[in-house]
PDB file of N, CA and C in Angstrom:
ATOM      1  N   MET A   1       0.841  -1.181   0.000  1.00  0.00           N
ATOM      2  CA  MET A   1       0.000   0.000   0.000  1.00  0.00           C
ATOM      3  C   MET A   1       0.883   1.240   0.000  1.00  0.00           C
ATOM      4  N   CYS A   2       0.537   2.201  -0.797  1.00  0.00           N
ATOM      5  CA  CYS A   2       1.283   3.459  -0.871  1.00  0.00           C
ATOM      6  C   CYS A   2       0.485   4.552  -0.188  1.00  0.00           C
ATOM      7  N   VAL A   3       1.189   5.409   0.524  1.00  0.00           N
ATOM      8  CA  VAL A   3       0.518   6.499   1.224  1.00  0.00           C
ATOM      9  C   VAL A   3       1.186   7.817   0.855  1.00  0.00           C
ATOM     10  N   GLY A   4       0.382   8.762   0.438  1.00  0.00           N
ATOM     11  CA  GLY A   4       0.861  10.115   0.214  1.00  0.00           C
ATOM     12  C   GLY A   4       0.478  10.949   1.426  1.00  0.00           C
ATOM     13  N   VAL A   5       1.364  11.822   1.843  1.00  0.00           N
ATOM     14  CA  VAL A   5       1.152  12.610   3.053  1.00  0.00           C
ATOM     15  C   VAL A   5       0.944  14.081   2.683  1.00  0.00           C
ATOM     16  N   PRO A   6      -0.097  14.710   3.221  1.00  0.00           N
ATOM     17  CA  PRO A   6      -0.290  16.132   2.962  1.00  0.00           C
ATOM     18  C   PRO A   6       0.740  16.950   3.732  1.00  0.00           C
ATOM     19  N   MET A   7       1.366  17.879   3.041  1.00  0.00           N
ATOM     20  CA  MET A   7       2.372  18.752   3.655  1.00  0.00           C
ATOM     21  C   MET A   7       2.223  20.164   3.097  1.00  0.00           C
ATOM     22  N   LYS A   8       2.675  21.143   3.885  1.00  0.00           N
ATOM     23  CA  LYS A   8       2.617  22.543   3.485  1.00  0.00           C
ATOM     24  C   LYS A   8       3.994  22.966   2.982  1.00  0.00           C
ATOM     25  N   LEU A   9       4.035  23.595   1.810  1.00  0.00           N
ATOM     26  CA  LEU A   9       5.307  24.094   1.284  1.00  0.00           C
ATOM     27  C   LEU A   9       5.748  25.319   2.074  1.00  0.00           C
ATOM     28  N   ILE A  10       6.962  25.262   2.604  1.00  0.00           N
ATOM     29  CA  ILE A  10       7.473  26.392   3.380  1.00  0.00           C
ATOM     30  C   ILE A  10       8.659  27.071   2.711  1.00  0.00           C
ATOM     31  N   ASP A  11       9.208  26.440   1.674  1.00  0.00           N
ATOM     32  CA  ASP A  11      10.303  27.055   0.916  1.00  0.00           C
ATOM     33  C   ASP A  11      10.324  26.428  -0.471  1.00  0.00           C
ATOM     34  N   ILE A  12      10.564  27.246  -1.471  1.00  0.00           N
ATOM     35  CA  ILE A  12      10.644  26.744  -2.846  1.00  0.00           C
ATOM     36  C   ILE A  12      11.888  27.304  -3.510  1.00  0.00           C
ATOM     37  N   ASP A  13      12.678  26.397  -4.051  1.00  0.00           N
ATOM     38  CA  ASP A  13      13.812  26.725  -4.905  1.00  0.00           C
ATOM     39  C   ASP A  13      13.718  25.735  -6.065  1.00  0.00           C
ATOM     40  N   TYR A  14      12.709  25.983  -6.912  1.00  0.00           N
ATOM     41  CA  TYR A  14      12.333  25.034  -7.959  1.00  0.00           C
ATOM     42  C   TYR A  14      13.558  24.525  -8.707  1.00  0.00           C
ATOM     43  N   PRO A  15      13.661  23.204  -8.881  1.00  0.00           N
ATOM     44  CA  PRO A  15      12.671  22.160  -8.772  1.00  0.00           C
ATOM     45  C   PRO A  15      12.636  21.441  -7.414  1.00  0.00           C
ATOM     46  N   PHE A  16      13.130  22.083  -6.386  1.00  0.00           N
ATOM     47  CA  PHE A  16      13.098  21.490  -5.054  1.00  0.00           C
ATOM     48  C   PHE A  16      12.393  22.419  -4.086  1.00  0.00           C
ATOM     49  N   GLY A  17      12.042  21.888  -2.943  1.00  0.00           N
ATOM     50  CA  GLY A  17      11.398  22.694  -1.927  1.00  0.00           C
ATOM     51  C   GLY A  17      11.499  22.015  -0.579  1.00  0.00           C
ATOM     52  N   VAL A  18      10.974  22.689   0.421  1.00  0.00           N
ATOM     53  CA  VAL A  18      10.889  22.137   1.771  1.00  0.00           C
ATOM     54  C   VAL A  18       9.417  22.167   2.154  1.00  0.00           C
ATOM     55  N   ALA A  19       8.941  21.034   2.657  1.00  0.00           N
ATOM     56  CA  ALA A  19       7.551  20.927   3.085  1.00  0.00           C
ATOM     57  C   ALA A  19       7.518  20.499   4.549  1.00  0.00           C
ATOM     58  N   GLU A  20       6.419  20.869   5.218  1.00  0.00           N
ATOM     59  CA  GLU A  20       6.306  20.577   6.643  1.00  0.00           C
ATOM     60  C   GLU A  20       4.929  20.004   6.957  1.00  0.00           C
ATOM     61  N   ALA A  21       4.919  19.053   7.883  1.00  0.00           N
ATOM     62  CA  ALA A  21       3.667  18.495   8.402  1.00  0.00           C
ATOM     63  C   ALA A  21       3.920  17.994   9.812  1.00  0.00           C
ATOM     64  N   LYS A  22       3.056  18.379  10.728  1.00  0.00           N
ATOM     65  CA  LYS A  22       3.135  17.904  12.118  1.00  0.00           C
ATOM     66  C   LYS A  22       4.503  18.188  12.738  1.00  0.00           C
ATOM     67  N   GLY A  23       5.114  19.321  12.362  1.00  0.00           N
ATOM     68  CA  GLY A  23       6.398  19.715  12.926  1.00  0.00           C
ATOM     69  C   GLY A  23       7.606  19.061  12.276  1.00  0.00           C
ATOM     70  N   VAL A  24       7.385  18.238  11.257  1.00  0.00           N
ATOM     71  CA  VAL A  24       8.467  17.544  10.556  1.00  0.00           C
ATOM     72  C   VAL A  24       8.676  18.201   9.201  1.00  0.00           C
ATOM     73  N   ARG A  25       9.923  18.540   8.917  1.00  0.00           N
ATOM     74  CA  ARG A  25      10.259  19.149   7.622  1.00  0.00           C
ATOM     75  C   ARG A  25      11.012  18.151   6.752  1.00  0.00           C
ATOM     76  N   ARG A  26      10.695  18.191   5.466  1.00  0.00           N
ATOM     77  CA  ARG A  26      11.339  17.308   4.508  1.00  0.00           C
ATOM     78  C   ARG A  26      11.672  18.071   3.233  1.00  0.00           C
ATOM     79  N   ASN A  27      12.815  17.730   2.648  1.00  0.00           N
ATOM     80  CA  ASN A  27      13.131  18.220   1.316  1.00  0.00           C
ATOM     81  C   ASN A  27      12.286  17.420   0.337  1.00  0.00           C
ATOM     82  N   VAL A  28      11.680  18.106  -0.611  1.00  0.00           N
ATOM     83  CA  VAL A  28      10.827  17.428  -1.578  1.00  0.00           C
ATOM     84  C   VAL A  28      11.155  17.871  -2.993  1.00  0.00           C
ATOM     85  N   GLY A  29      10.964  16.960  -3.917  1.00  0.00           N
ATOM     86  CA  GLY A  29      11.089  17.285  -5.329  1.00  0.00           C
ATOM     87  C   GLY A  29       9.774  17.867  -5.827  1.00  0.00           C
ATOM     88  N   LEU A  30       9.873  18.920  -6.601  1.00  0.00           N
ATOM     89  CA  LEU A  30       8.678  19.586  -7.127  1.00  0.00           C
ATOM     90  C   LEU A  30       8.527  19.407  -8.630  1.00  0.00           C
ATOM     91  N   GLN A  31       9.365  18.579  -9.220  1.00  0.00           N
ATOM     92  CA  GLN A  31       9.405  18.424 -10.671  1.00  0.00           C
ATOM     93  C   GLN A  31       8.087  17.953 -11.279  1.00  0.00           C
ATOM     94  N   LEU A  32       7.232  17.323 -10.498  1.00  0.00           N
ATOM     95  CA  LEU A  32       5.980  16.792 -11.042  1.00  0.00           C
ATOM     96  C   LEU A  32       4.855  17.826 -11.062  1.00  0.00           C
ATOM     97  N   LEU A  33       5.132  19.007 -10.533  1.00  0.00           N
ATOM     98  CA  LEU A  33       4.141  20.087 -10.517  1.00  0.00           C
ATOM     99  C   LEU A  33       4.668  21.275 -11.316  1.00  0.00           C
ATOM    100  N   PRO A  34       3.811  21.928 -12.084  1.00  0.00           N
ATOM    101  CA  PRO A  34       4.256  23.096 -12.850  1.00  0.00           C
ATOM    102  C   PRO A  34       4.739  24.211 -11.911  1.00  0.00           C
ATOM    103  N   GLU A  35       5.892  24.752 -12.204  1.00  0.00           N
ATOM    104  CA  GLU A  35       6.502  25.785 -11.358  1.00  0.00           C
ATOM    105  C   GLU A  35       5.582  26.975 -11.126  1.00  0.00           C
ATOM    106  N   ASP A  36       4.840  27.363 -12.149  1.00  0.00           N
ATOM    107  CA  ASP A  36       3.993  28.549 -12.027  1.00  0.00           C
ATOM    108  C   ASP A  36       2.683  28.291 -11.277  1.00  0.00           C
ATOM    109  N   GLU A  37       2.454  27.056 -10.844  1.00  0.00           N
ATOM    110  CA  GLU A  37       1.215  26.729 -10.138  1.00  0.00           C
ATOM    111  C   GLU A  37       1.396  26.468  -8.649  1.00  0.00           C
ATOM    112  N   ILE A  38       2.620  26.581  -8.130  1.00  0.00           N
ATOM    113  CA  ILE A  38       2.845  26.335  -6.704  1.00  0.00           C
ATOM    114  C   ILE A  38       3.504  27.545  -6.058  1.00  0.00           C
ATOM    115  N   ARG A  39       3.119  27.770  -4.821  1.00  0.00           N
ATOM    116  CA  ARG A  39       3.634  28.899  -4.042  1.00  0.00           C
ATOM    117  C   ARG A  39       3.895  28.439  -2.613  1.00  0.00           C
ATOM    118  N   VAL A  40       4.782  29.152  -1.912  1.00  0.00           N
ATOM    119  CA  VAL A  40       4.971  28.909  -0.488  1.00  0.00           C
ATOM    120  C   VAL A  40       3.613  29.075   0.187  1.00  0.00           C
ATOM    121  N   GLY A  41       3.273  28.154   1.065  1.00  0.00           N
ATOM    122  CA  GLY A  41       1.986  28.169   1.737  1.00  0.00           C
ATOM    123  C   GLY A  41       0.977  27.200   1.135  1.00  0.00           C
ATOM    124  N   ASP A  42       1.248  26.718  -0.084  1.00  0.00           N
ATOM    125  CA  ASP A  42       0.369  25.729  -0.704  1.00  0.00           C
ATOM    126  C   ASP A  42       0.522  24.383  -0.008  1.00  0.00           C
ATOM    127  N   TYR A  43      -0.538  23.587  -0.080  1.00  0.00           N
ATOM    128  CA  TYR A  43      -0.504  22.216   0.443  1.00  0.00           C
ATOM    129  C   TYR A  43      -0.369  21.257  -0.723  1.00  0.00           C
ATOM    130  N   VAL A  44       0.456  20.235  -0.516  1.00  0.00           N
ATOM    131  CA  VAL A  44       0.700  19.230  -1.553  1.00  0.00           C
ATOM    132  C   VAL A  44       0.675  17.843  -0.929  1.00  0.00           C
ATOM    133  N   ILE A  45       0.425  16.851  -1.755  1.00  0.00           N
ATOM    134  CA  ILE A  45       0.568  15.458  -1.338  1.00  0.00           C
ATOM    135  C   ILE A  45       1.997  15.048  -1.679  1.00  0.00           C
ATOM    136  N   VAL A  46       2.710  14.523  -0.679  1.00  0.00           N
ATOM    137  CA  VAL A  46       4.092  14.087  -0.877  1.00  0.00           C
ATOM    138  C   VAL A  46       4.138  12.568  -0.813  1.00  0.00           C
ATOM    139  N   HIS A  47       4.735  11.979  -1.831  1.00  0.00           N
ATOM    140  CA  HIS A  47       4.894  10.523  -1.913  1.00  0.00           C
ATOM    141  C   HIS A  47       6.316  10.229  -2.348  1.00  0.00           C
ATOM    142  N   VAL A  48       6.994   9.405  -1.608  1.00  0.00           N
ATOM    143  CA  VAL A  48       8.395   9.022  -1.841  1.00  0.00           C
ATOM    144  C   VAL A  48       9.277  10.225  -2.177  1.00  0.00           C
ATOM    145  N   GLY A  49       9.080  11.301  -1.460  1.00  0.00           N
ATOM    146  CA  GLY A  49       9.946  12.464  -1.607  1.00  0.00           C
ATOM    147  C   GLY A  49       9.563  13.451  -2.686  1.00  0.00           C
ATOM    148  N   PHE A  50       8.454  13.220  -3.358  1.00  0.00           N
ATOM    149  CA  PHE A  50       8.014  14.116  -4.425  1.00  0.00           C
ATOM    150  C   PHE A  50       6.620  14.659  -4.143  1.00  0.00           C
ATOM    151  N   ALA A  51       6.432  15.935  -4.366  1.00  0.00           N
ATOM    152  CA  ALA A  51       5.100  16.524  -4.326  1.00  0.00           C
ATOM    153  C   ALA A  51       4.406  16.089  -5.610  1.00  0.00           C
ATOM    154  N   ILE A  52       3.288  15.377  -5.450  1.00  0.00           N
ATOM    155  CA  ILE A  52       2.647  14.803  -6.637  1.00  0.00           C
ATOM    156  C   ILE A  52       1.328  15.468  -6.991  1.00  0.00           C
ATOM    157  N   GLU A  53       0.801  16.268  -6.056  1.00  0.00           N
ATOM    158  CA  GLU A  53      -0.486  16.924  -6.326  1.00  0.00           C
ATOM    159  C   GLU A  53      -0.675  18.098  -5.376  1.00  0.00           C
ATOM    160  N   LYS A  54      -1.173  19.192  -5.886  1.00  0.00           N
ATOM    161  CA  LYS A  54      -1.534  20.335  -5.053  1.00  0.00           C
ATOM    162  C   LYS A  54      -2.960  20.127  -4.568  1.00  0.00           C
ATOM    163  N   ILE A  55      -3.201  20.403  -3.269  1.00  0.00           N
ATOM    164  CA  ILE A  55      -4.536  20.236  -2.695  1.00  0.00           C
ATOM    165  C   ILE A  55      -4.912  21.467  -1.883  1.00  0.00           C
ATOM    166  N   ARG A  56      -6.184  21.556  -1.532  1.00  0.00           N
ATOM    167  CA  ARG A  56      -6.649  22.656  -0.690  1.00  0.00           C
ATOM    168  C   ARG A  56      -6.330  22.364   0.771  1.00  0.00           C
ATOM    169  N   LYS A  57      -6.230  23.392   1.579  1.00  0.00           N
ATOM    170  CA  LYS A  57      -5.935  23.252   3.003  1.00  0.00           C
ATOM    171  C   LYS A  57      -6.965  22.348   3.678  1.00  0.00           C
ATOM    172  N   GLU A  58      -8.228  22.494   3.316  1.00  0.00           N
ATOM    173  CA  GLU A  58      -9.296  21.692   3.911  1.00  0.00           C
ATOM    174  C   GLU A  58      -9.098  20.210   3.602  1.00  0.00           C
ATOM    175  N   GLU A  59      -8.660  19.919   2.376  1.00  0.00           N
ATOM    176  CA  GLU A  59      -8.386  18.530   2.009  1.00  0.00           C
ATOM    177  C   GLU A  59      -7.247  17.962   2.841  1.00  0.00           C
ATOM    178  N   ALA A  60      -6.201  18.759   3.049  1.00  0.00           N
ATOM    179  CA  ALA A  60      -5.066  18.313   3.855  1.00  0.00           C
ATOM    180  C   ALA A  60      -5.518  17.965   5.268  1.00  0.00           C
ATOM    181  N   LYS A  61      -6.357  18.822   5.848  1.00  0.00           N
ATOM    182  CA  LYS A  61      -6.860  18.558   7.205  1.00  0.00           C
ATOM    183  C   LYS A  61      -7.689  17.280   7.245  1.00  0.00           C
ATOM    184  N   GLU A  62      -8.532  17.083   6.248  1.00  0.00           N
ATOM    185  CA  GLU A  62      -9.377  15.894   6.198  1.00  0.00           C
ATOM    186  C   GLU A  62      -8.527  14.625   6.069  1.00  0.00           C
ATOM    187  N   ILE A  63      -7.522  14.663   5.228  1.00  0.00           N
ATOM    188  CA  ILE A  63      -6.640  13.506   5.059  1.00  0.00           C
ATOM    189  C   ILE A  63      -5.916  13.204   6.366  1.00  0.00           C
ATOM    190  N   TRP A  64      -5.418  14.242   7.045  1.00  0.00           N
ATOM    191  CA  TRP A  64      -4.728  14.023   8.320  1.00  0.00           C
ATOM    192  C   TRP A  64      -5.661  13.419   9.362  1.00  0.00           C
ATOM    193  N   ARG A  65      -6.922  13.838   9.389  1.00  0.00           N
ATOM    194  CA  ARG A  65      -7.873  13.234  10.325  1.00  0.00           C
ATOM    195  C   ARG A  65      -7.996  11.729  10.050  1.00  0.00           C
ATOM    196  N   GLY A  66      -8.080  11.368   8.804  1.00  0.00           N
ATOM    197  CA  GLY A  66      -8.170   9.956   8.437  1.00  0.00           C
ATOM    198  C   GLY A  66      -6.916   9.179   8.797  1.00  0.00           C
ATOM    199  N   LEU A  67      -5.746   9.752   8.506  1.00  0.00           N
ATOM    200  CA  LEU A  67      -4.483   9.082   8.844  1.00  0.00           C
ATOM    201  C   LEU A  67      -4.345   8.899  10.352  1.00  0.00           C
ATOM    202  N   GLU A  68      -4.708   9.916  11.112  1.00  0.00           N
ATOM    203  CA  GLU A  68      -4.614   9.827  12.568  1.00  0.00           C
ATOM    204  C   GLU A  68      -5.561   8.765  13.114  1.00  0.00           C
ATOM    205  N   GLU A  69      -6.732   8.623  12.516  1.00  0.00           N
ATOM    206  CA  GLU A  69      -7.680   7.593  12.931  1.00  0.00           C
ATOM    207  C   GLU A  69      -7.113   6.202  12.656  1.00  0.00           C
ATOM    208  N   VAL A  70      -6.521   6.013  11.500  1.00  0.00           N
ATOM    209  CA  VAL A  70      -5.899   4.726  11.171  1.00  0.00           C
ATOM    210  C   VAL A  70      -4.790   4.411  12.170  1.00  0.00           C
ATOM    211  N   LEU A  71      -3.945   5.385  12.473  1.00  0.00           N
ATOM    212  CA  LEU A  71      -2.863   5.169  13.441  1.00  0.00           C
ATOM    213  C   LEU A  71      -3.412   4.831  14.823  1.00  0.00           C
ATOM    214  N   ARG A  72      -4.484   5.494  15.223  1.00  0.00           N
ATOM    215  CA  ARG A  72      -5.100   5.220  16.526  1.00  0.00           C
ATOM    216  C   ARG A  72      -5.594   3.780  16.586  1.00  0.00           C
ATOM    217  N   ILE A  73      -6.251   3.341  15.539  1.00  0.00           N
ATOM    218  CA  ILE A  73      -6.783   1.973  15.493  1.00  0.00           C
ATOM    219  C   ILE A  73      -5.635   0.966  15.533  1.00  0.00           C
ATOM    220  N   MET A  74      -4.566   1.240  14.793  1.00  0.00           N
ATOM    221  CA  MET A  74      -3.419   0.334  14.785  1.00  0.00           C
ATOM    222  C   MET A  74      -2.786   0.232  16.178  1.00  0.00           C
ATOM    223  N   GLU A  75      -2.688   1.362  16.877  1.00  0.00           N
ATOM    224  CA  GLU A  75      -2.130   1.347  18.224  1.00  0.00           C
ATOM    225  C   GLU A  75      -3.003   0.551  19.170  1.00  0.00           C
ATOM    226  N   GLU A  76      -4.313   0.676  19.038  1.00  0.00           N
ATOM    227  CA  GLU A  76      -5.245  -0.093  19.879  1.00  0.00           C
ATOM    228  C   GLU A  76      -5.090  -1.585  19.623  1.00  0.00           C
ATOM    229  N   GLU A  77      -4.911  -1.965  18.373  1.00  0.00           N
ATOM    230  CA  GLU A  77      -4.752  -3.384  18.045  1.00  0.00           C
ATOM    231  C   GLU A  77      -3.453  -3.940  18.595  1.00  0.00           C
ATOM    232  N   ASP A  78      -2.407  -3.102  18.653  1.00  0.00           N
ATOM    233  CA  ASP A  78      -1.112  -3.542  19.186  1.00  0.00           C
ATOM    234  C   ASP A  78      -1.129  -3.672  20.704  1.00  0.00           C
ATOM    235  N   ALA A  79      -2.044  -2.972  21.364  1.00  0.00           N
ATOM    236  CA  ALA A  79      -2.077  -2.978  22.838  1.00  0.00           C
ATOM    237  C   ALA A  79      -2.727  -4.229  23.392  1.00  0.00           C
TER     238      ALA A  79
END
């Protein structure tokens, strides 16, 4: 199973950037997104180190709620 993580772009030096989620920063490749369509502050889905899709802030929050629920359930099963 592959999981893309929503992250906020905090720095862009195209074709690379820095994205942040939950206090964790990662260098990301931006080559899969048009340079003129992304800005600092945008939310993107990051998969294997690459931003693969630009999303709305509301979508990022919704995805994180789902991921956190999955993690909670997994922790309960391990206990």
